[in-house]
Amino acid sequence: MNKKTYRGVIFDLDGTLLDTSEGVFASVRHTVEALGKPALDEATLRTFIGPPVKLSLIRLYGLDEDAANHATEIFRTQYKDHDLLKAEPYAGIKDLIRALRAQGCKIGVATLKREDYALTLLEHYHFTELCDSICGSDFASKMTKADVLHKCLKALELSPSEAVLIGDTSSDGKGAKEAAVDFMAVTYGFGPDTAEAWQEYAPVYTAKDTHDIGAFLGVNF
């Protein structure tokens, strides 16, 4: 394993720090039912983790802008009021972050989840005290992953070459490439679950769990 040292490690949220599937799936099911659409299977529900919900609804149902905005508002209301905190930290993730911080590494979070939702979630699960910067998308969800990454790098006072993004979906791989940031894929989240499936994004490493991430970054916990 070719270990590499970074000044900053930036994590995606959904599928990387927290398993948020229970809450997201519940809100998507509620939204689909409210729209009078057929129920979705779990494989399709998993595609809602990562990209903005509005884009996923447009992709699946061919909604126009007004209908997509209405559907997104249904999802947001349900998620914010009922399902946001239905999540669980991945095993070892906090110990990994503590070990990286002890090594002098800056810790960031870059997510396409709305920033207020991200802050609420991470505060509830006691991640905020472990992070130097938490950046999410704006209210209109028009930011790309690269936009959020640039925002996080600026807050951390790092250049793209000094950081690595750790994420679980293709939007993470694409965003890292566009932002000229190294990318580490994880197979325990909601995206590809083999190293071969990640090749198009040229990750510096593909990790199977949090201890595997630590091994590549040179920390033990």
Foldseek 3Di string as FASTA:
>chain_A
DAADAFQAEEEEPDFTFKPLLVLQLVLVQQLCVVVVHDGDDPLLSLVPPAAPNLVSCCVVPVDDPVVSVVSSVSSVVCSVPPRLQPMGGFPPPVVLLVQCVVVNHAYEYFGQPAQVSVVVNCVVVVCPVSHQYYFYAHPVSPDASLRSVVVGCVSVVHQQDRYEYEYAAVSQLVSNVVNVHAYEYELRGSYHNDPVVCPVSPHPYYHDGSQRVCVSNVTHD
